[in-house]
Amino acid sequence: MIFTAFSDGWLAMGAREVRCALGPAGVIPASEKREGDGATPLGLWPLRSVLYRDDRGGPPATGLPLQAISASQGWCDAPDDPLYNRPVRLPYPASAERLWREDEVYDLLVVLGHNDDPPVPGLGSAIFLHIARHAYPPTQGCVALARSDLEALLAMAEPGDALAVIPR
C-alpha cells in the first residue's frame, strides 16, 4: 500500500484523509533537499521499520519490523560522519538527534527510506513519520500525524509499503 502525504498538510490512508504536519519550508524535490533546510522531501519513501518507546504504550499493531528504543539511541545528522543518516549510540562524537525525548513526538516513529541506500552526505537525514505536536506545528522536515492516526496507519502497513510525499 502507498500512503500519500500531500503538500497541503493532509495524508491519505486508503479512503480516509487525516491531517499531517510537514516541514516549515514546505515540500521540495528530493534532489534539492539539504541537511537542516526545514523542507520535507517529495518522493516515494519505503516504510523501513518502526521504533517505539516501550514505556509509553508498547509496540503498535503492525506488519512492519519493530524495535523498542532506549535512552542511548540517536540518529546521526552530521553530513561528514561515516554514520550519517544512520542510528547511533549516544553519546556520539558527531552531531546526532536523540530518539528518546521528553516530548512525545518520537514515542512512535517510522524510519522512512529517504537518502539511505546509501546515504549521500548533506541530502537530509532523520526523515521520519512520527507523532505530531498539538495543533500540528511544522516539523524539521518529517511527516507527523496524531498518534491515533499513526497507529491506524501502522495497523494497515506491511513490508513493501511506502509513503509518497506529493504536491497538491
C-alpha atoms as a PDB file:
ATOM      1  CA  MET A   1       0.000   0.000   0.000  1.00  0.00           C
ATOM      2  CA  ILE A   2       1.101   3.544  -0.647  1.00  0.00           C
ATOM      3  CA  PHE A   3       0.114   6.155   1.920  1.00  0.00           C
ATOM      4  CA  THR A   4       0.137   9.671   0.463  1.00  0.00           C
ATOM      5  CA  ALA A   5       1.142  12.877   2.234  1.00  0.00           C
ATOM      6  CA  PHE A   6       0.040  15.956   0.320  1.00  0.00           C
ATOM      7  CA  SER A   7       1.814  19.310   0.377  1.00  0.00           C
ATOM      8  CA  ASP A   8      -1.318  20.954   1.847  1.00  0.00           C
ATOM      9  CA  GLY A   9      -0.964  19.059   5.145  1.00  0.00           C
ATOM     10  CA  TRP A  10      -3.251  16.066   4.605  1.00  0.00           C
ATOM     11  CA  LEU A  11      -2.371  12.376   4.399  1.00  0.00           C
ATOM     12  CA  ALA A  12      -4.412   9.667   2.656  1.00  0.00           C
ATOM     13  CA  MET A  13      -4.710   6.231   4.241  1.00  0.00           C
ATOM     14  CA  GLY A  14      -6.849   4.383   1.763  1.00  0.00           C
ATOM     15  CA  ALA A  15     -10.152   6.286   1.507  1.00  0.00           C
ATOM     16  CA  ARG A  16      -9.536   8.245   4.718  1.00  0.00           C
ATOM     17  CA  GLU A  17      -7.644  11.561   4.885  1.00  0.00           C
ATOM     18  CA  VAL A  18      -6.101  12.865   8.103  1.00  0.00           C
ATOM     19  CA  ARG A  19      -4.220  15.990   8.988  1.00  0.00           C
ATOM     20  CA  CYS A  20      -0.415  15.929   8.968  1.00  0.00           C
ATOM     21  CA  ALA A  21       2.442  18.310   9.711  1.00  0.00           C
ATOM     22  CA  LEU A  22       5.303  18.895   7.281  1.00  0.00           C
ATOM     23  CA  GLY A  23       8.478  20.991   7.346  1.00  0.00           C
ATOM     24  CA  PRO A  24       8.220  24.797   7.713  1.00  0.00           C
ATOM     25  CA  ALA A  25       9.876  25.256   4.300  1.00  0.00           C
ATOM     26  CA  GLY A  26       7.194  23.126   2.623  1.00  0.00           C
ATOM     27  CA  VAL A  27       7.997  20.335   0.199  1.00  0.00           C
ATOM     28  CA  ILE A  28      10.850  20.252  -2.309  1.00  0.00           C
ATOM     29  CA  PRO A  29      12.235  17.727  -4.793  1.00  0.00           C
ATOM     30  CA  ALA A  30      14.425  15.171  -3.011  1.00  0.00           C
ATOM     31  CA  SER A  31      17.378  16.187  -5.222  1.00  0.00           C
ATOM     32  CA  GLU A  32      17.159  19.708  -3.708  1.00  0.00           C
ATOM     33  CA  LYS A  33      16.825  18.546  -0.070  1.00  0.00           C
ATOM     34  CA  ARG A  34      19.694  19.721   2.153  1.00  0.00           C
ATOM     35  CA  GLU A  35      20.508  18.968   5.777  1.00  0.00           C
ATOM     36  CA  GLY A  36      18.763  21.426   8.090  1.00  0.00           C
ATOM     37  CA  ASP A  37      16.698  23.219   5.406  1.00  0.00           C
ATOM     38  CA  GLY A  38      13.355  22.507   7.133  1.00  0.00           C
ATOM     39  CA  ALA A  39      11.841  21.056   3.952  1.00  0.00           C
ATOM     40  CA  THR A  40      10.025  17.754   3.515  1.00  0.00           C
ATOM     41  CA  PRO A  41      11.369  15.837   0.501  1.00  0.00           C
ATOM     42  CA  LEU A  42       8.975  14.928  -2.302  1.00  0.00           C
ATOM     43  CA  GLY A  43       9.153  11.304  -3.374  1.00  0.00           C
ATOM     44  CA  LEU A  44       8.226   7.737  -2.576  1.00  0.00           C
ATOM     45  CA  TRP A  45       9.790   6.595   0.705  1.00  0.00           C
ATOM     46  CA  PRO A  46       9.680   2.946   1.816  1.00  0.00           C
ATOM     47  CA  LEU A  47       8.452   2.306   5.362  1.00  0.00           C
ATOM     48  CA  ARG A  48      11.612   0.652   6.719  1.00  0.00           C
ATOM     49  CA  SER A  49      10.831  -0.044  10.376  1.00  0.00           C
ATOM     50  CA  VAL A  50       9.002   1.196  13.455  1.00  0.00           C
ATOM     51  CA  LEU A  51      10.765   2.482  16.568  1.00  0.00           C
ATOM     52  CA  TYR A  52       8.796   2.941  19.772  1.00  0.00           C
ATOM     53  CA  ARG A  53       9.175   3.706  23.460  1.00  0.00           C
ATOM     54  CA  ASP A  54       8.116   0.609  25.342  1.00  0.00           C
ATOM     55  CA  ASP A  55       7.491   2.661  28.498  1.00  0.00           C
ATOM     56  CA  ARG A  56       4.910   4.818  26.681  1.00  0.00           C
ATOM     57  CA  GLY A  57       2.477   2.432  25.119  1.00  0.00           C
ATOM     58  CA  GLY A  58       4.381  -0.619  23.990  1.00  0.00           C
ATOM     59  CA  PRO A  59       4.604  -1.974  20.461  1.00  0.00           C
ATOM     60  CA  PRO A  60       1.921  -0.960  17.968  1.00  0.00           C
ATOM     61  CA  ALA A  61       0.000  -3.464  15.870  1.00  0.00           C
ATOM     62  CA  THR A  62       1.777  -3.549  12.504  1.00  0.00           C
ATOM     63  CA  GLY A  63       3.278  -5.840   9.911  1.00  0.00           C
ATOM     64  CA  LEU A  64       6.450  -3.728   9.803  1.00  0.00           C
ATOM     65  CA  PRO A  65       9.643  -4.623  11.695  1.00  0.00           C
ATOM     66  CA  LEU A  66       9.551  -3.274  15.269  1.00  0.00           C
ATOM     67  CA  GLN A  67      12.289  -2.143  17.637  1.00  0.00           C
ATOM     68  CA  ALA A  68      11.969  -0.687  21.128  1.00  0.00           C
ATOM     69  CA  ILE A  69      14.270   2.295  21.601  1.00  0.00           C
ATOM     70  CA  SER A  70      16.400   3.079  24.626  1.00  0.00           C
ATOM     71  CA  ALA A  71      17.673   6.294  26.169  1.00  0.00           C
ATOM     72  CA  SER A  72      21.051   5.768  24.459  1.00  0.00           C
ATOM     73  CA  GLN A  73      19.745   5.743  20.893  1.00  0.00           C
ATOM     74  CA  GLY A  74      20.282   8.560  18.448  1.00  0.00           C
ATOM     75  CA  TRP A  75      20.353   9.260  14.717  1.00  0.00           C
ATOM     76  CA  CYS A  76      23.470  10.796  13.156  1.00  0.00           C
ATOM     77  CA  ASP A  77      22.798  14.063  11.311  1.00  0.00           C
ATOM     78  CA  ALA A  78      26.431  15.102  10.707  1.00  0.00           C
ATOM     79  CA  PRO A  79      26.999  15.004   6.909  1.00  0.00           C
ATOM     80  CA  ASP A  80      30.754  14.484   7.279  1.00  0.00           C
ATOM     81  CA  ASP A  81      30.393  11.470   9.599  1.00  0.00           C
ATOM     82  CA  PRO A  82      30.626   7.875   8.252  1.00  0.00           C
ATOM     83  CA  LEU A  83      27.361   7.003  10.053  1.00  0.00           C
ATOM     84  CA  TYR A  84      25.415   9.912   8.551  1.00  0.00           C
ATOM     85  CA  ASN A  85      21.669   9.159   8.420  1.00  0.00           C
ATOM     86  CA  ARG A  86      22.131   6.008  10.470  1.00  0.00           C
ATOM     87  CA  PRO A  87      21.232   5.035  14.036  1.00  0.00           C
ATOM     88  CA  VAL A  88      23.990   5.585  16.604  1.00  0.00           C
ATOM     89  CA  ARG A  89      24.561   5.015  20.295  1.00  0.00           C
ATOM     90  CA  LEU A  90      24.704   8.148  22.462  1.00  0.00           C
ATOM     91  CA  PRO A  91      26.815   9.870  23.467  1.00  0.00           C
ATOM     92  CA  TYR A  92      28.187  10.049  19.950  1.00  0.00           C
ATOM     93  CA  PRO A  93      31.188  12.184  18.925  1.00  0.00           C
ATOM     94  CA  ALA A  94      29.411  13.755  15.939  1.00  0.00           C
ATOM     95  CA  SER A  95      26.051  15.546  15.844  1.00  0.00           C
ATOM     96  CA  ALA A  96      23.165  13.158  16.453  1.00  0.00           C
ATOM     97  CA  GLU A  97      19.491  13.584  17.154  1.00  0.00           C
ATOM     98  CA  ARG A  98      18.273  11.977  20.386  1.00  0.00           C
ATOM     99  CA  LEU A  99      15.457   9.475  19.783  1.00  0.00           C
ATOM    100  CA  TRP A 100      14.472   9.147  23.466  1.00  0.00           C
ATOM    101  CA  ARG A 101      12.806  12.520  24.046  1.00  0.00           C
ATOM    102  CA  GLU A 102      10.858  14.151  26.853  1.00  0.00           C
ATOM    103  CA  ASP A 103       8.124  15.266  24.467  1.00  0.00           C
ATOM    104  CA  GLU A 104       6.055  12.551  22.812  1.00  0.00           C
ATOM    105  CA  VAL A 105       6.880  13.076  19.134  1.00  0.00           C
ATOM    106  CA  TYR A 106       9.299  10.127  18.907  1.00  0.00           C
ATOM    107  CA  ASP A 107       7.376   7.787  21.211  1.00  0.00           C
ATOM    108  CA  LEU A 108       6.337   6.087  17.971  1.00  0.00           C
ATOM    109  CA  LEU A 109       8.120   6.696  14.674  1.00  0.00           C
ATOM    110  CA  VAL A 110       8.585   5.109  11.293  1.00  0.00           C
ATOM    111  CA  VAL A 111      12.017   5.177   9.682  1.00  0.00           C
ATOM    112  CA  LEU A 112      11.497   6.245   6.076  1.00  0.00           C
ATOM    113  CA  GLY A 113      13.785   5.153   3.263  1.00  0.00           C
ATOM    114  CA  HIS A 114      14.898   8.679   2.399  1.00  0.00           C
ATOM    115  CA  ASN A 115      18.595   9.110   1.495  1.00  0.00           C
ATOM    116  CA  ASP A 116      19.568   5.747   2.932  1.00  0.00           C
ATOM    117  CA  ASP A 117      20.736   3.475   0.127  1.00  0.00           C
ATOM    118  CA  PRO A 118      23.485   4.604   0.588  1.00  0.00           C
ATOM    119  CA  PRO A 119      23.216   7.960   2.368  1.00  0.00           C
ATOM    120  CA  VAL A 120      24.580  10.912   0.398  1.00  0.00           C
ATOM    121  CA  PRO A 121      26.213  13.424   2.761  1.00  0.00           C
ATOM    122  CA  GLY A 122      24.143  16.580   3.130  1.00  0.00           C
ATOM    123  CA  LEU A 123      20.981  15.412   1.310  1.00  0.00           C
ATOM    124  CA  GLY A 124      18.978  15.097   4.526  1.00  0.00           C
ATOM    125  CA  SER A 125      18.818  12.762   7.490  1.00  0.00           C
ATOM    126  CA  ALA A 126      16.336  11.557  10.087  1.00  0.00           C
ATOM    127  CA  ILE A 127      13.299  11.933   7.837  1.00  0.00           C
ATOM    128  CA  PHE A 128      10.676  10.077   9.845  1.00  0.00           C
ATOM    129  CA  LEU A 129       6.931   9.610  10.056  1.00  0.00           C
ATOM    130  CA  HIS A 130       6.210  10.441  13.706  1.00  0.00           C
ATOM    131  CA  ILE A 131       3.703  11.823  16.207  1.00  0.00           C
ATOM    132  CA  ALA A 132       2.578  15.422  15.657  1.00  0.00           C
ATOM    133  CA  ARG A 133       2.606  18.056  18.359  1.00  0.00           C
ATOM    134  CA  HIS A 134      -0.694  19.625  19.431  1.00  0.00           C
ATOM    135  CA  ALA A 135      -2.103  21.923  16.706  1.00  0.00           C
ATOM    136  CA  TYR A 136       0.284  20.431  14.089  1.00  0.00           C
ATOM    137  CA  PRO A 137       3.152  22.937  14.086  1.00  0.00           C
ATOM    138  CA  PRO A 138       5.793  22.273  11.399  1.00  0.00           C
ATOM    139  CA  THR A 139       8.357  19.501  11.782  1.00  0.00           C
ATOM    140  CA  GLN A 140      12.007  19.862  10.769  1.00  0.00           C
ATOM    141  CA  GLY A 141      11.253  18.045   7.505  1.00  0.00           C
ATOM    142  CA  CYS A 142       9.457  14.921   8.691  1.00  0.00           C
ATOM    143  CA  VAL A 143       5.788  13.997   8.281  1.00  0.00           C
ATOM    144  CA  ALA A 144       3.841  13.936  11.561  1.00  0.00           C
ATOM    145  CA  LEU A 145       0.391  12.589  12.437  1.00  0.00           C
ATOM    146  CA  ALA A 146      -1.798  12.436  15.526  1.00  0.00           C
ATOM    147  CA  ARG A 147      -0.813   9.330  17.483  1.00  0.00           C
ATOM    148  CA  SER A 148      -4.176   7.654  16.818  1.00  0.00           C
ATOM    149  CA  ASP A 149      -3.789   8.272  13.068  1.00  0.00           C
ATOM    150  CA  LEU A 150      -0.218   6.955  13.087  1.00  0.00           C
ATOM    151  CA  GLU A 151      -1.399   3.841  14.936  1.00  0.00           C
ATOM    152  CA  ALA A 152      -4.186   3.358  12.357  1.00  0.00           C
ATOM    153  CA  LEU A 153      -1.672   3.695   9.505  1.00  0.00           C
ATOM    154  CA  LEU A 154       0.672   1.205  11.155  1.00  0.00           C
ATOM    155  CA  ALA A 155      -2.162  -1.298  11.615  1.00  0.00           C
ATOM    156  CA  MET A 156      -2.561  -1.284   7.805  1.00  0.00           C
ATOM    157  CA  ALA A 157       1.163  -1.253   6.977  1.00  0.00           C
ATOM    158  CA  GLU A 158       3.066  -4.250   5.663  1.00  0.00           C
ATOM    159  CA  PRO A 159       6.639  -4.755   4.430  1.00  0.00           C
ATOM    160  CA  GLY A 160       6.988  -3.173   0.994  1.00  0.00           C
ATOM    161  CA  ASP A 161       4.591  -0.318   1.776  1.00  0.00           C
ATOM    162  CA  ALA A 162       5.682   3.278   1.253  1.00  0.00           C
ATOM    163  CA  LEU A 163       4.863   6.905   1.957  1.00  0.00           C
ATOM    164  CA  ALA A 164       4.518   9.169  -1.070  1.00  0.00           C
ATOM    165  CA  VAL A 165       5.022  12.891  -0.464  1.00  0.00           C
ATOM    166  CA  ILE A 166       3.459  14.791  -3.341  1.00  0.00           C
ATOM    167  CA  PRO A 167       2.225  18.301  -4.218  1.00  0.00           C
ATOM    168  CA  ARG A 168      -1.462  19.174  -4.220  1.00  0.00           C
END
